[in-house]
């Protein structure tokens, strides 16, 4: 059984898109409004106008983090191992726990507490000139939003993956490479 990663933004934009699909509007109006929704989501992500809690990806551990053969590609396991090692949380992650993380511009998943720490470190100027951790809009658009919207809108004429990528403001070829 595959456990799906979930986050609030994912739920919110799916609901908006499905509402448009199920509406009584003409096909052209549906396509136009869905593209408008996608463009607005893209702009909000790129301008950092979405609350961090809405971007948190949550996934359940199916075993203790140290029992996974490899954490490669298992972002929730990587975060659990890192946070268990740091000991910054009240309890260690173990089998059955859900791990929430954000995918950041440094190309890695991070626990929300790491973003808070990064922001305070950069404001105190005690560290090197490393920019504070921020969510990566490109990751969320290409890996989280584009594939889901493409599946939902697959049967709708005029909303192929290329059109969806265009509405999100991303290069479709880049999106295809990242999704494969």
C-alpha atoms as a PDB file:
ATOM      1  CA  UNK A   1       0.000   0.000   0.000  1.00  0.00           C
ATOM      2  CA  UNK A   2       1.466   3.332  -1.050  1.00  0.00           C
ATOM      3  CA  UNK A   3       0.994   6.135   1.451  1.00  0.00           C
ATOM      4  CA  UNK A   4       0.406   9.481  -0.180  1.00  0.00           C
ATOM      5  CA  UNK A   5       2.132  12.605   0.993  1.00  0.00           C
ATOM      6  CA  UNK A   6      -0.375  15.312   1.742  1.00  0.00           C
ATOM      7  CA  UNK A   7      -0.291  19.003   2.403  1.00  0.00           C
ATOM      8  CA  UNK A   8      -2.908  21.727   2.760  1.00  0.00           C
ATOM      9  CA  UNK A   9      -2.093  23.546  -0.483  1.00  0.00           C
ATOM     10  CA  UNK A  10      -2.553  20.270  -2.360  1.00  0.00           C
ATOM     11  CA  UNK A  11      -6.037  19.803  -0.917  1.00  0.00           C
ATOM     12  CA  UNK A  12      -6.985  23.442  -1.445  1.00  0.00           C
ATOM     13  CA  UNK A  13      -6.005  23.696  -5.138  1.00  0.00           C
ATOM     14  CA  UNK A  14      -7.538  20.296  -5.980  1.00  0.00           C
ATOM     15  CA  UNK A  15     -10.839  21.483  -4.531  1.00  0.00           C
ATOM     16  CA  UNK A  16     -10.688  24.719  -6.561  1.00  0.00           C
ATOM     17  CA  UNK A  17      -9.946  22.844  -9.787  1.00  0.00           C
ATOM     18  CA  UNK A  18     -12.618  20.212  -9.193  1.00  0.00           C
ATOM     19  CA  UNK A  19     -15.184  22.932  -8.444  1.00  0.00           C
ATOM     20  CA  UNK A  20     -14.419  24.494 -11.830  1.00  0.00           C
ATOM     21  CA  UNK A  21     -14.582  21.136 -13.622  1.00  0.00           C
ATOM     22  CA  UNK A  22     -17.957  20.318 -12.053  1.00  0.00           C
ATOM     23  CA  UNK A  23     -19.416  23.783 -12.672  1.00  0.00           C
ATOM     24  CA  UNK A  24     -22.150  24.463 -15.239  1.00  0.00           C
ATOM     25  CA  UNK A  25     -19.881  26.720 -17.321  1.00  0.00           C
ATOM     26  CA  UNK A  26     -18.874  26.248 -20.932  1.00  0.00           C
ATOM     27  CA  UNK A  27     -15.738  24.233 -21.603  1.00  0.00           C
ATOM     28  CA  UNK A  28     -13.827  27.363 -22.669  1.00  0.00           C
ATOM     29  CA  UNK A  29     -14.768  29.146 -19.431  1.00  0.00           C
ATOM     30  CA  UNK A  30     -13.682  26.135 -17.362  1.00  0.00           C
ATOM     31  CA  UNK A  31     -10.310  25.970 -19.108  1.00  0.00           C
ATOM     32  CA  UNK A  32      -9.803  29.732 -18.721  1.00  0.00           C
ATOM     33  CA  UNK A  33     -10.676  29.711 -15.006  1.00  0.00           C
ATOM     34  CA  UNK A  34      -8.539  26.651 -14.244  1.00  0.00           C
ATOM     35  CA  UNK A  35      -5.567  28.289 -15.979  1.00  0.00           C
ATOM     36  CA  UNK A  36      -6.217  31.467 -13.992  1.00  0.00           C
ATOM     37  CA  UNK A  37      -6.264  29.496 -10.707  1.00  0.00           C
ATOM     38  CA  UNK A  38      -3.004  27.783 -11.629  1.00  0.00           C
ATOM     39  CA  UNK A  39      -1.372  31.074 -12.519  1.00  0.00           C
ATOM     40  CA  UNK A  40      -2.482  32.626  -9.216  1.00  0.00           C
ATOM     41  CA  UNK A  41      -1.096  29.674  -7.244  1.00  0.00           C
ATOM     42  CA  UNK A  42       2.195  29.946  -9.132  1.00  0.00           C
ATOM     43  CA  UNK A  43       2.498  33.665  -8.442  1.00  0.00           C
ATOM     44  CA  UNK A  44       1.725  33.184  -4.747  1.00  0.00           C
ATOM     45  CA  UNK A  45       4.362  30.451  -4.469  1.00  0.00           C
ATOM     46  CA  UNK A  46       7.016  32.467  -6.296  1.00  0.00           C
ATOM     47  CA  UNK A  47       6.289  35.602  -4.241  1.00  0.00           C
ATOM     48  CA  UNK A  48       6.378  33.631  -0.983  1.00  0.00           C
ATOM     49  CA  UNK A  49       2.739  34.543  -0.226  1.00  0.00           C
ATOM     50  CA  UNK A  50       1.599  31.143   1.005  1.00  0.00           C
ATOM     51  CA  UNK A  51       1.807  30.251   4.673  1.00  0.00           C
ATOM     52  CA  UNK A  52       4.481  27.670   5.456  1.00  0.00           C
ATOM     53  CA  UNK A  53       1.942  25.410   7.164  1.00  0.00           C
ATOM     54  CA  UNK A  54       0.095  25.113   3.840  1.00  0.00           C
ATOM     55  CA  UNK A  55       3.272  23.870   2.148  1.00  0.00           C
ATOM     56  CA  UNK A  56       4.107  21.249   4.761  1.00  0.00           C
ATOM     57  CA  UNK A  57       4.216  17.805   3.197  1.00  0.00           C
ATOM     58  CA  UNK A  58       3.222  15.093   5.650  1.00  0.00           C
ATOM     59  CA  UNK A  59       4.005  11.425   5.278  1.00  0.00           C
ATOM     60  CA  UNK A  60       3.851   8.518   7.710  1.00  0.00           C
ATOM     61  CA  UNK A  61       6.832   6.361   8.630  1.00  0.00           C
ATOM     62  CA  UNK A  62       6.107   2.677   8.044  1.00  0.00           C
ATOM     63  CA  UNK A  63       9.041   1.611  10.223  1.00  0.00           C
ATOM     64  CA  UNK A  64      11.609   3.218  12.493  1.00  0.00           C
ATOM     65  CA  UNK A  65      13.744   5.675  10.481  1.00  0.00           C
ATOM     66  CA  UNK A  66      16.958   3.707  11.073  1.00  0.00           C
ATOM     67  CA  UNK A  67      15.355   0.520   9.697  1.00  0.00           C
ATOM     68  CA  UNK A  68      15.044   1.860   6.135  1.00  0.00           C
ATOM     69  CA  UNK A  69      17.740   0.383   3.881  1.00  0.00           C
ATOM     70  CA  UNK A  70      18.210   3.733   2.181  1.00  0.00           C
ATOM     71  CA  UNK A  71      16.700   7.147   2.765  1.00  0.00           C
ATOM     72  CA  UNK A  72      17.475   8.174  -0.817  1.00  0.00           C
ATOM     73  CA  UNK A  73      14.318   9.733  -2.270  1.00  0.00           C
ATOM     74  CA  UNK A  74      12.401   9.210   0.982  1.00  0.00           C
ATOM     75  CA  UNK A  75      12.251  12.806   2.135  1.00  0.00           C
ATOM     76  CA  UNK A  76      10.223  12.086   5.252  1.00  0.00           C
ATOM     77  CA  UNK A  77      12.801   9.493   6.331  1.00  0.00           C
ATOM     78  CA  UNK A  78      15.682  11.913   5.665  1.00  0.00           C
ATOM     79  CA  UNK A  79      14.011  14.557   7.832  1.00  0.00           C
ATOM     80  CA  UNK A  80      13.218  12.061  10.601  1.00  0.00           C
ATOM     81  CA  UNK A  81      16.815  10.796  10.690  1.00  0.00           C
ATOM     82  CA  UNK A  82      18.214  14.327  10.717  1.00  0.00           C
ATOM     83  CA  UNK A  83      15.860  15.541  13.444  1.00  0.00           C
ATOM     84  CA  UNK A  84      16.417  12.414  15.569  1.00  0.00           C
ATOM     85  CA  UNK A  85      20.172  12.946  15.276  1.00  0.00           C
ATOM     86  CA  UNK A  86      19.955  16.650  16.210  1.00  0.00           C
ATOM     87  CA  UNK A  87      17.663  15.923  19.159  1.00  0.00           C
ATOM     88  CA  UNK A  88      15.891  19.290  18.826  1.00  0.00           C
ATOM     89  CA  UNK A  89      12.385  17.852  19.164  1.00  0.00           C
ATOM     90  CA  UNK A  90      10.638  16.664  22.308  1.00  0.00           C
ATOM     91  CA  UNK A  91      10.561  13.063  21.065  1.00  0.00           C
ATOM     92  CA  UNK A  92      12.253  11.038  18.372  1.00  0.00           C
ATOM     93  CA  UNK A  93      10.430   9.940  15.244  1.00  0.00           C
ATOM     94  CA  UNK A  94       9.570   6.233  15.090  1.00  0.00           C
ATOM     95  CA  UNK A  95       7.321   3.745  13.270  1.00  0.00           C
ATOM     96  CA  UNK A  96       3.808   5.133  12.712  1.00  0.00           C
ATOM     97  CA  UNK A  97       4.716   8.795  13.271  1.00  0.00           C
ATOM     98  CA  UNK A  98       3.932  11.334  10.609  1.00  0.00           C
ATOM     99  CA  UNK A  99       6.774  13.554   9.493  1.00  0.00           C
ATOM    100  CA  UNK A 100       6.080  17.018   8.130  1.00  0.00           C
ATOM    101  CA  UNK A 101       8.633  18.789   5.990  1.00  0.00           C
ATOM    102  CA  UNK A 102       9.138  21.525   3.429  1.00  0.00           C
ATOM    103  CA  UNK A 103      11.205  21.167   0.296  1.00  0.00           C
ATOM    104  CA  UNK A 104      13.611  24.122   0.202  1.00  0.00           C
ATOM    105  CA  UNK A 105      15.681  26.082  -2.292  1.00  0.00           C
ATOM    106  CA  UNK A 106      18.854  24.302  -1.146  1.00  0.00           C
ATOM    107  CA  UNK A 107      17.423  21.163  -2.795  1.00  0.00           C
ATOM    108  CA  UNK A 108      16.702  19.343   0.460  1.00  0.00           C
ATOM    109  CA  UNK A 109      13.685  18.589   2.651  1.00  0.00           C
ATOM    110  CA  UNK A 110      13.628  20.371   6.017  1.00  0.00           C
ATOM    111  CA  UNK A 111      11.564  20.248   9.187  1.00  0.00           C
ATOM    112  CA  UNK A 112       9.722  23.500   9.910  1.00  0.00           C
ATOM    113  CA  UNK A 113      11.900  24.087  12.984  1.00  0.00           C
ATOM    114  CA  UNK A 114      14.969  24.202  10.713  1.00  0.00           C
ATOM    115  CA  UNK A 115      13.474  27.090   8.736  1.00  0.00           C
ATOM    116  CA  UNK A 116      12.845  29.015  11.941  1.00  0.00           C
ATOM    117  CA  UNK A 117      16.428  28.333  13.077  1.00  0.00           C
ATOM    118  CA  UNK A 118      17.786  29.361   9.677  1.00  0.00           C
ATOM    119  CA  UNK A 119      15.904  32.668   9.781  1.00  0.00           C
ATOM    120  CA  UNK A 120      17.188  33.483  13.278  1.00  0.00           C
ATOM    121  CA  UNK A 121      20.755  32.470  12.314  1.00  0.00           C
ATOM    122  CA  UNK A 122      20.753  34.753   9.278  1.00  0.00           C
ATOM    123  CA  UNK A 123      19.375  37.685  11.285  1.00  0.00           C
ATOM    124  CA  UNK A 124      22.069  37.304  13.979  1.00  0.00           C
ATOM    125  CA  UNK A 125      24.818  37.313  11.288  1.00  0.00           C
ATOM    126  CA  UNK A 126      26.941  34.889  13.322  1.00  0.00           C
ATOM    127  CA  UNK A 127      27.030  32.321  10.532  1.00  0.00           C
ATOM    128  CA  UNK A 128      28.582  32.621   7.079  1.00  0.00           C
ATOM    129  CA  UNK A 129      26.614  34.530   4.461  1.00  0.00           C
ATOM    130  CA  UNK A 130      24.252  31.630   3.754  1.00  0.00           C
ATOM    131  CA  UNK A 131      20.758  32.721   2.822  1.00  0.00           C
ATOM    132  CA  UNK A 132      17.921  31.588   5.084  1.00  0.00           C
ATOM    133  CA  UNK A 133      16.072  28.426   4.053  1.00  0.00           C
ATOM    134  CA  UNK A 134      12.963  29.063   1.986  1.00  0.00           C
ATOM    135  CA  UNK A 135      10.448  26.762   0.287  1.00  0.00           C
ATOM    136  CA  UNK A 136      11.345  25.994  -3.334  1.00  0.00           C
ATOM    137  CA  UNK A 137       8.505  27.141  -5.615  1.00  0.00           C
ATOM    138  CA  UNK A 138       9.943  25.170  -8.548  1.00  0.00           C
ATOM    139  CA  UNK A 139       9.739  21.917  -6.593  1.00  0.00           C
ATOM    140  CA  UNK A 140       6.141  22.497  -5.535  1.00  0.00           C
ATOM    141  CA  UNK A 141       5.076  23.505  -9.058  1.00  0.00           C
ATOM    142  CA  UNK A 142       6.879  20.710 -10.925  1.00  0.00           C
ATOM    143  CA  UNK A 143       6.676  17.850  -8.421  1.00  0.00           C
ATOM    144  CA  UNK A 144       3.504  18.484  -6.445  1.00  0.00           C
ATOM    145  CA  UNK A 145       1.069  20.641  -8.421  1.00  0.00           C
ATOM    146  CA  UNK A 146       1.727  19.886 -12.106  1.00  0.00           C
ATOM    147  CA  UNK A 147       1.386  16.059 -11.917  1.00  0.00           C
ATOM    148  CA  UNK A 148      -1.792  16.196  -9.831  1.00  0.00           C
ATOM    149  CA  UNK A 149      -3.502  18.809 -11.999  1.00  0.00           C
ATOM    150  CA  UNK A 150      -2.445  16.947 -15.153  1.00  0.00           C
ATOM    151  CA  UNK A 151      -4.126  13.763 -13.881  1.00  0.00           C
ATOM    152  CA  UNK A 152      -7.283  15.580 -12.776  1.00  0.00           C
ATOM    153  CA  UNK A 153      -7.580  17.518 -16.040  1.00  0.00           C
ATOM    154  CA  UNK A 154      -6.515  14.691 -18.374  1.00  0.00           C
ATOM    155  CA  UNK A 155     -10.003  14.148 -19.862  1.00  0.00           C
ATOM    156  CA  UNK A 156     -10.606  17.874 -20.443  1.00  0.00           C
ATOM    157  CA  UNK A 157      -9.886  19.021 -23.997  1.00  0.00           C
ATOM    158  CA  UNK A 158      -7.589  22.036 -24.004  1.00  0.00           C
ATOM    159  CA  UNK A 159      -5.904  21.184 -20.689  1.00  0.00           C
ATOM    160  CA  UNK A 160      -3.003  18.962 -21.647  1.00  0.00           C
ATOM    161  CA  UNK A 161       0.167  18.876 -19.506  1.00  0.00           C
ATOM    162  CA  UNK A 162       1.865  21.516 -21.686  1.00  0.00           C
ATOM    163  CA  UNK A 163      -1.015  23.976 -21.220  1.00  0.00           C
ATOM    164  CA  UNK A 164      -1.033  23.311 -17.472  1.00  0.00           C
ATOM    165  CA  UNK A 165       2.743  23.912 -17.334  1.00  0.00           C
ATOM    166  CA  UNK A 166       2.268  27.152 -19.250  1.00  0.00           C
ATOM    167  CA  UNK A 167      -0.421  28.284 -16.791  1.00  0.00           C
ATOM    168  CA  UNK A 168       1.944  27.507 -13.907  1.00  0.00           C
ATOM    169  CA  UNK A 169       4.632  29.552 -15.627  1.00  0.00           C
ATOM    170  CA  UNK A 170       7.113  26.694 -15.831  1.00  0.00           C
ATOM    171  CA  UNK A 171       8.970  25.277 -18.808  1.00  0.00           C
ATOM    172  CA  UNK A 172       7.166  22.055 -19.698  1.00  0.00           C
ATOM    173  CA  UNK A 173      10.328  20.231 -20.811  1.00  0.00           C
ATOM    174  CA  UNK A 174      11.949  21.000 -17.449  1.00  0.00           C
ATOM    175  CA  UNK A 175       8.820  19.767 -15.698  1.00  0.00           C
ATOM    176  CA  UNK A 176       8.846  16.513 -17.671  1.00  0.00           C
ATOM    177  CA  UNK A 177      12.490  15.881 -16.852  1.00  0.00           C
ATOM    178  CA  UNK A 178      11.924  16.560 -13.153  1.00  0.00           C
ATOM    179  CA  UNK A 179       8.857  14.313 -13.023  1.00  0.00           C
ATOM    180  CA  UNK A 180      10.514  11.321 -14.675  1.00  0.00           C
END
